[in-house]
Amino acid sequence: PYYIDLNQNLYLQAYLHSSDPNLILFVETCVASPDPRDFTTVIYELKKNGCVRDSSYFTYESPHSHFSRFTFNAFEFISRYPLVYLRCELVVCRLRDFSSRCYQGCVSRAKRDASS
């Protein structure tokens, strides 16, 4: 566990253990929940489909493609629950493959017409 106070910045780093220098990491989704087994019922979205949902979320540029670094501010969601769990989903892509998910950034899903 990592203990933080309300309004404190939390810094995270993911690292890809690979000897291939042509791979990069992209944070696709990051969600907080008071239940470590349920990340759908009561959640707080920091990032979803590559889109930032929390104004305090910030991505740091890394000199190494195997690292993904980001931060966010401890939010009010934390004050309502004794423990909050974080689950992030990352994507691994080929470096400079501009058609890959890592280079698409924020992808908003298109809404379907209910009549079709």
N, C-alpha and C. Protein backbone atom coordinates (compact mmCIF):
# COMPACT_ATOMS: atom_id res chain seq x y z
N PRO A 1 0.83 -1.21 0.00
CA PRO A 1 0.00 0.00 0.00
C PRO A 1 0.86 1.26 0.00
N TYR A 2 0.30 2.29 -0.54
CA TYR A 2 0.95 3.59 -0.58
C TYR A 2 -0.01 4.58 0.06
N TYR A 3 0.41 5.27 1.09
CA TYR A 3 -0.47 6.17 1.84
C TYR A 3 -0.25 7.60 1.39
N ILE A 4 -1.35 8.25 1.02
CA ILE A 4 -1.29 9.66 0.62
C ILE A 4 -2.44 10.41 1.25
N ASP A 5 -2.28 11.71 1.35
CA ASP A 5 -3.31 12.58 1.89
C ASP A 5 -4.09 13.22 0.75
N LEU A 6 -5.27 13.72 1.08
CA LEU A 6 -6.10 14.42 0.13
C LEU A 6 -5.31 15.59 -0.45
N ASN A 7 -5.42 15.79 -1.76
CA ASN A 7 -4.75 16.86 -2.51
C ASN A 7 -3.24 16.69 -2.63
N GLN A 8 -2.73 15.53 -2.27
CA GLN A 8 -1.32 15.24 -2.48
C GLN A 8 -1.16 14.65 -3.88
N ASN A 9 -0.07 14.99 -4.56
CA ASN A 9 0.19 14.42 -5.88
C ASN A 9 0.73 13.01 -5.74
N LEU A 10 0.24 12.14 -6.59
CA LEU A 10 0.71 10.76 -6.64
C LEU A 10 1.42 10.59 -7.98
N TYR A 11 2.67 10.12 -7.92
CA TYR A 11 3.49 9.95 -9.12
C TYR A 11 3.61 8.46 -9.40
N LEU A 12 3.35 8.07 -10.65
CA LEU A 12 3.43 6.66 -11.03
C LEU A 12 4.34 6.49 -12.24
N GLN A 13 4.92 5.30 -12.30
CA GLN A 13 5.76 4.95 -13.43
C GLN A 13 5.56 3.48 -13.75
N ALA A 14 5.35 3.19 -15.02
CA ALA A 14 5.29 1.81 -15.49
C ALA A 14 6.53 1.58 -16.34
N TYR A 15 7.04 0.37 -16.25
CA TYR A 15 8.25 0.03 -16.99
C TYR A 15 8.06 -1.28 -17.73
N LEU A 16 8.40 -1.30 -18.99
CA LEU A 16 8.31 -2.50 -19.81
C LEU A 16 9.66 -3.22 -19.76
N HIS A 17 9.66 -4.42 -19.21
CA HIS A 17 10.89 -5.21 -19.12
C HIS A 17 11.09 -5.94 -20.45
N SER A 18 11.83 -5.32 -21.33
CA SER A 18 12.10 -5.91 -22.64
C SER A 18 13.43 -5.37 -23.16
N SER A 19 14.14 -6.19 -23.87
CA SER A 19 15.41 -5.74 -24.45
C SER A 19 15.20 -5.11 -25.83
N ASP A 20 13.95 -5.13 -26.33
CA ASP A 20 13.65 -4.55 -27.64
C ASP A 20 13.52 -3.03 -27.50
N PRO A 21 14.44 -2.26 -28.07
CA PRO A 21 14.38 -0.80 -27.94
C PRO A 21 13.30 -0.16 -28.81
N ASN A 22 12.64 -0.95 -29.64
CA ASN A 22 11.63 -0.41 -30.54
C ASN A 22 10.21 -0.59 -30.04
N LEU A 23 10.05 -0.70 -28.72
CA LEU A 23 8.73 -0.80 -28.13
C LEU A 23 8.46 0.42 -27.26
N ILE A 24 7.20 0.85 -27.21
CA ILE A 24 6.80 1.96 -26.36
C ILE A 24 5.56 1.58 -25.56
N LEU A 25 5.32 2.33 -24.49
CA LEU A 25 4.15 2.12 -23.62
C LEU A 25 3.19 3.28 -23.76
N PHE A 26 1.90 2.97 -23.66
CA PHE A 26 0.86 3.99 -23.69
C PHE A 26 -0.18 3.65 -22.63
N VAL A 27 -0.53 4.62 -21.77
CA VAL A 27 -1.56 4.40 -20.76
C VAL A 27 -2.92 4.58 -21.43
N GLU A 28 -3.64 3.48 -21.56
CA GLU A 28 -4.96 3.47 -22.22
C GLU A 28 -6.06 3.89 -21.24
N THR A 29 -6.09 3.25 -20.07
CA THR A 29 -7.14 3.49 -19.08
C THR A 29 -6.56 3.42 -17.68
N CYS A 30 -7.05 4.27 -16.80
CA CYS A 30 -6.63 4.26 -15.40
C CYS A 30 -7.86 4.60 -14.56
N VAL A 31 -8.23 3.68 -13.68
CA VAL A 31 -9.47 3.80 -12.90
C VAL A 31 -9.20 3.54 -11.43
N ALA A 32 -9.84 4.30 -10.56
CA ALA A 32 -9.75 4.09 -9.11
C ALA A 32 -11.07 3.50 -8.61
N SER A 33 -10.96 2.62 -7.60
CA SER A 33 -12.14 1.98 -7.04
C SER A 33 -11.89 1.65 -5.57
N PRO A 34 -12.94 1.68 -4.72
CA PRO A 34 -12.77 1.27 -3.33
C PRO A 34 -12.74 -0.25 -3.17
N ASP A 35 -13.08 -0.98 -4.23
CA ASP A 35 -13.13 -2.44 -4.19
C ASP A 35 -12.10 -3.02 -5.17
N PRO A 36 -11.10 -3.77 -4.68
CA PRO A 36 -10.06 -4.28 -5.58
C PRO A 36 -10.56 -5.34 -6.56
N ARG A 37 -11.78 -5.84 -6.36
CA ARG A 37 -12.35 -6.85 -7.24
C ARG A 37 -13.40 -6.29 -8.20
N ASP A 38 -13.74 -5.02 -8.06
CA ASP A 38 -14.80 -4.43 -8.88
C ASP A 38 -14.39 -3.04 -9.37
N PHE A 39 -14.04 -2.97 -10.63
CA PHE A 39 -13.65 -1.70 -11.23
C PHE A 39 -14.71 -1.22 -12.23
N THR A 40 -15.98 -1.54 -11.93
CA THR A 40 -17.07 -1.10 -12.80
C THR A 40 -18.20 -0.40 -12.04
N THR A 41 -18.47 -0.80 -10.80
CA THR A 41 -19.64 -0.28 -10.07
C THR A 41 -19.40 1.12 -9.52
N VAL A 42 -18.50 1.25 -8.57
CA VAL A 42 -18.16 2.55 -7.97
C VAL A 42 -16.72 2.86 -8.39
N ILE A 43 -16.58 3.76 -9.36
CA ILE A 43 -15.25 4.06 -9.88
C ILE A 43 -15.04 5.56 -10.06
N TYR A 44 -13.79 5.92 -10.22
CA TYR A 44 -13.42 7.26 -10.61
C TYR A 44 -12.43 7.10 -11.75
N GLU A 45 -12.77 7.62 -12.93
CA GLU A 45 -11.91 7.49 -14.10
C GLU A 45 -10.89 8.61 -14.15
N LEU A 46 -9.62 8.23 -14.21
CA LEU A 46 -8.55 9.20 -14.42
C LEU A 46 -8.27 9.34 -15.92
N LYS A 47 -8.32 8.19 -16.61
CA LYS A 47 -8.09 8.16 -18.05
C LYS A 47 -8.88 7.00 -18.63
N LYS A 48 -9.53 7.24 -19.76
CA LYS A 48 -10.32 6.18 -20.41
C LYS A 48 -10.19 6.32 -21.92
N ASN A 49 -9.90 5.20 -22.59
CA ASN A 49 -9.69 5.19 -24.04
C ASN A 49 -8.65 6.22 -24.47
N GLY A 50 -7.64 6.41 -23.62
CA GLY A 50 -6.59 7.36 -23.93
C GLY A 50 -6.95 8.80 -23.65
N CYS A 51 -8.19 9.05 -23.20
CA CYS A 51 -8.67 10.41 -22.93
C CYS A 51 -8.55 10.72 -21.44
N VAL A 52 -7.94 11.83 -21.11
CA VAL A 52 -7.80 12.25 -19.72
C VAL A 52 -9.16 12.68 -19.19
N ARG A 53 -9.57 12.12 -18.04
CA ARG A 53 -10.87 12.43 -17.43
C ARG A 53 -10.74 13.30 -16.18
N ASP A 54 -9.54 13.38 -15.64
CA ASP A 54 -9.30 14.16 -14.43
C ASP A 54 -8.33 15.29 -14.78
N SER A 55 -8.71 16.51 -14.43
CA SER A 55 -7.91 17.68 -14.82
C SER A 55 -6.52 17.70 -14.19
N SER A 56 -6.30 16.94 -13.12
CA SER A 56 -4.97 16.94 -12.48
C SER A 56 -4.03 15.89 -13.08
N TYR A 57 -4.56 15.04 -13.97
CA TYR A 57 -3.75 13.99 -14.59
C TYR A 57 -2.76 14.64 -15.56
N PHE A 58 -1.50 14.23 -15.45
CA PHE A 58 -0.46 14.80 -16.30
C PHE A 58 0.53 13.72 -16.69
N THR A 59 0.86 13.65 -17.97
CA THR A 59 1.84 12.68 -18.46
C THR A 59 3.19 13.36 -18.60
N TYR A 60 4.23 12.72 -18.09
CA TYR A 60 5.59 13.23 -18.22
C TYR A 60 6.27 12.57 -19.41
N GLU A 61 6.96 13.37 -20.19
CA GLU A 61 7.76 12.81 -21.28
C GLU A 61 8.93 12.05 -20.66
N SER A 62 9.26 10.92 -21.25
CA SER A 62 10.36 10.11 -20.76
C SER A 62 11.41 9.98 -21.86
N PRO A 63 12.68 10.05 -21.50
CA PRO A 63 13.73 9.87 -22.50
C PRO A 63 13.82 8.41 -22.98
N HIS A 64 13.17 7.50 -22.27
CA HIS A 64 13.21 6.09 -22.60
C HIS A 64 11.81 5.60 -22.97
N SER A 65 11.68 4.93 -24.10
CA SER A 65 10.37 4.49 -24.58
C SER A 65 9.77 3.38 -23.73
N HIS A 66 10.58 2.72 -22.92
CA HIS A 66 10.07 1.63 -22.07
C HIS A 66 9.39 2.13 -20.80
N PHE A 67 9.39 3.44 -20.58
CA PHE A 67 8.79 4.02 -19.39
C PHE A 67 7.53 4.80 -19.75
N SER A 68 6.55 4.75 -18.86
CA SER A 68 5.40 5.63 -18.95
C SER A 68 5.25 6.27 -17.57
N ARG A 69 5.31 7.58 -17.53
CA ARG A 69 5.28 8.30 -16.25
C ARG A 69 4.10 9.28 -16.24
N PHE A 70 3.36 9.27 -15.12
CA PHE A 70 2.25 10.20 -15.01
C PHE A 70 1.97 10.50 -13.54
N THR A 71 1.19 11.54 -13.33
CA THR A 71 0.83 11.97 -11.98
C THR A 71 -0.62 12.41 -11.97
N PHE A 72 -1.20 12.41 -10.78
CA PHE A 72 -2.52 13.00 -10.57
C PHE A 72 -2.63 13.39 -9.10
N ASN A 73 -3.60 14.21 -8.81
CA ASN A 73 -3.82 14.70 -7.47
C ASN A 73 -4.80 13.79 -6.74
N ALA A 74 -4.50 13.48 -5.48
CA ALA A 74 -5.44 12.69 -4.66
C ALA A 74 -6.74 13.46 -4.59
N PHE A 75 -7.81 12.84 -4.93
CA PHE A 75 -9.08 13.50 -5.14
C PHE A 75 -10.05 13.20 -4.00
N GLU A 76 -11.18 13.87 -4.02
CA GLU A 76 -12.20 13.72 -2.98
C GLU A 76 -12.68 12.28 -2.84
N PHE A 77 -12.64 11.53 -3.92
CA PHE A 77 -13.01 10.12 -3.91
C PHE A 77 -12.28 9.37 -2.79
N ILE A 78 -11.03 9.73 -2.56
CA ILE A 78 -10.21 9.07 -1.53
C ILE A 78 -10.77 9.34 -0.13
N SER A 79 -11.29 10.53 0.11
CA SER A 79 -11.75 10.89 1.46
C SER A 79 -13.02 10.13 1.86
N ARG A 80 -13.74 9.56 0.88
CA ARG A 80 -14.97 8.84 1.19
C ARG A 80 -14.76 7.36 1.51
N TYR A 81 -13.56 6.85 1.23
CA TYR A 81 -13.28 5.42 1.43
C TYR A 81 -11.95 5.25 2.15
N PRO A 82 -11.84 4.25 3.03
CA PRO A 82 -10.57 4.06 3.76
C PRO A 82 -9.44 3.59 2.84
N LEU A 83 -9.78 2.83 1.80
CA LEU A 83 -8.78 2.36 0.84
C LEU A 83 -9.30 2.58 -0.58
N VAL A 84 -8.41 2.97 -1.46
CA VAL A 84 -8.76 3.13 -2.86
C VAL A 84 -7.71 2.38 -3.68
N TYR A 85 -8.18 1.63 -4.65
CA TYR A 85 -7.30 0.82 -5.50
C TYR A 85 -7.26 1.43 -6.89
N LEU A 86 -6.12 1.31 -7.51
CA LEU A 86 -5.92 1.87 -8.84
C LEU A 86 -5.62 0.73 -9.82
N ARG A 87 -6.29 0.74 -10.96
CA ARG A 87 -6.01 -0.23 -12.02
C ARG A 87 -5.80 0.53 -13.31
N CYS A 88 -4.64 0.31 -13.90
CA CYS A 88 -4.32 0.96 -15.17
C CYS A 88 -4.06 -0.10 -16.23
N GLU A 89 -4.51 0.18 -17.42
CA GLU A 89 -4.28 -0.71 -18.55
C GLU A 89 -3.37 0.02 -19.53
N LEU A 90 -2.28 -0.64 -19.89
CA LEU A 90 -1.31 -0.06 -20.80
C LEU A 90 -1.23 -0.87 -22.08
N VAL A 91 -0.82 -0.20 -23.14
CA VAL A 91 -0.68 -0.83 -24.45
C VAL A 91 0.80 -0.75 -24.83
N VAL A 92 1.29 -1.84 -25.42
CA VAL A 92 2.66 -1.88 -25.93
C VAL A 92 2.58 -1.81 -27.45
N CYS A 93 3.35 -0.90 -28.05
CA CYS A 93 3.34 -0.72 -29.50
C CYS A 93 4.77 -0.64 -30.02
N ARG A 94 4.87 -0.76 -31.31
CA ARG A 94 6.16 -0.57 -31.98
C ARG A 94 6.45 0.93 -32.07
N LEU A 95 7.67 1.29 -31.78
CA LEU A 95 8.12 2.67 -31.87
C LEU A 95 7.96 3.17 -33.31
N ARG A 96 7.40 4.35 -33.46
CA ARG A 96 7.17 5.02 -34.74
C ARG A 96 6.19 4.30 -35.67
N ASP A 97 5.36 3.42 -35.10
CA ASP A 97 4.27 2.83 -35.89
C ASP A 97 3.06 3.73 -35.67
N PHE A 98 2.93 4.76 -36.49
CA PHE A 98 1.95 5.81 -36.27
C PHE A 98 0.51 5.35 -36.48
N SER A 99 0.32 4.14 -36.99
CA SER A 99 -1.03 3.59 -37.11
C SER A 99 -1.42 2.80 -35.86
N SER A 100 -0.49 2.61 -34.93
CA SER A 100 -0.76 1.83 -33.72
C SER A 100 -1.57 2.63 -32.70
N ARG A 101 -2.12 1.94 -31.74
CA ARG A 101 -2.94 2.56 -30.69
C ARG A 101 -2.16 3.60 -29.91
N CYS A 102 -0.89 3.40 -29.70
CA CYS A 102 -0.06 4.32 -28.90
C CYS A 102 0.00 5.72 -29.51
N TYR A 103 -0.14 5.83 -30.80
CA TYR A 103 -0.03 7.13 -31.47
C TYR A 103 -1.39 7.77 -31.76
N GLN A 104 -2.48 7.08 -31.46
CA GLN A 104 -3.81 7.62 -31.73
C GLN A 104 -4.28 8.59 -30.66
N GLY A 105 -3.70 8.50 -29.46
CA GLY A 105 -4.10 9.39 -28.37
C GLY A 105 -5.51 9.13 -27.90
N CYS A 106 -6.25 10.19 -27.66
CA CYS A 106 -7.62 10.09 -27.15
C CYS A 106 -8.55 9.60 -28.26
N VAL A 107 -9.25 8.50 -27.98
CA VAL A 107 -10.19 7.95 -28.95
C VAL A 107 -11.57 7.93 -28.30
N SER A 108 -12.45 8.81 -28.79
CA SER A 108 -13.82 8.79 -28.26
C SER A 108 -14.63 7.84 -29.13
N ARG A 109 -15.39 7.01 -28.47
CA ARG A 109 -16.19 6.00 -29.18
C ARG A 109 -17.37 6.68 -29.86
N ALA A 110 -17.65 6.29 -31.11
CA ALA A 110 -18.79 6.84 -31.83
C ALA A 110 -20.09 6.26 -31.27
N LYS A 111 -21.09 7.10 -31.13
CA LYS A 111 -22.40 6.65 -30.64
C LYS A 111 -23.18 6.06 -31.80
N ARG A 112 -23.91 4.98 -31.48
CA ARG A 112 -24.73 4.34 -32.51
C ARG A 112 -26.15 4.89 -32.46
N ASP A 113 -26.78 4.89 -33.61
CA ASP A 113 -28.18 5.29 -33.69
C ASP A 113 -29.02 4.13 -33.17
N ALA A 114 -29.91 4.39 -32.22
CA ALA A 114 -30.72 3.34 -31.59
C ALA A 114 -31.70 2.70 -32.58
N SER A 115 -32.04 3.39 -33.64
CA SER A 115 -33.03 2.85 -34.58
C SER A 115 -32.43 1.84 -35.56
N SER A 116 -31.11 1.80 -35.71
CA SER A 116 -30.53 0.91 -36.72
C SER A 116 -30.21 -0.46 -36.19
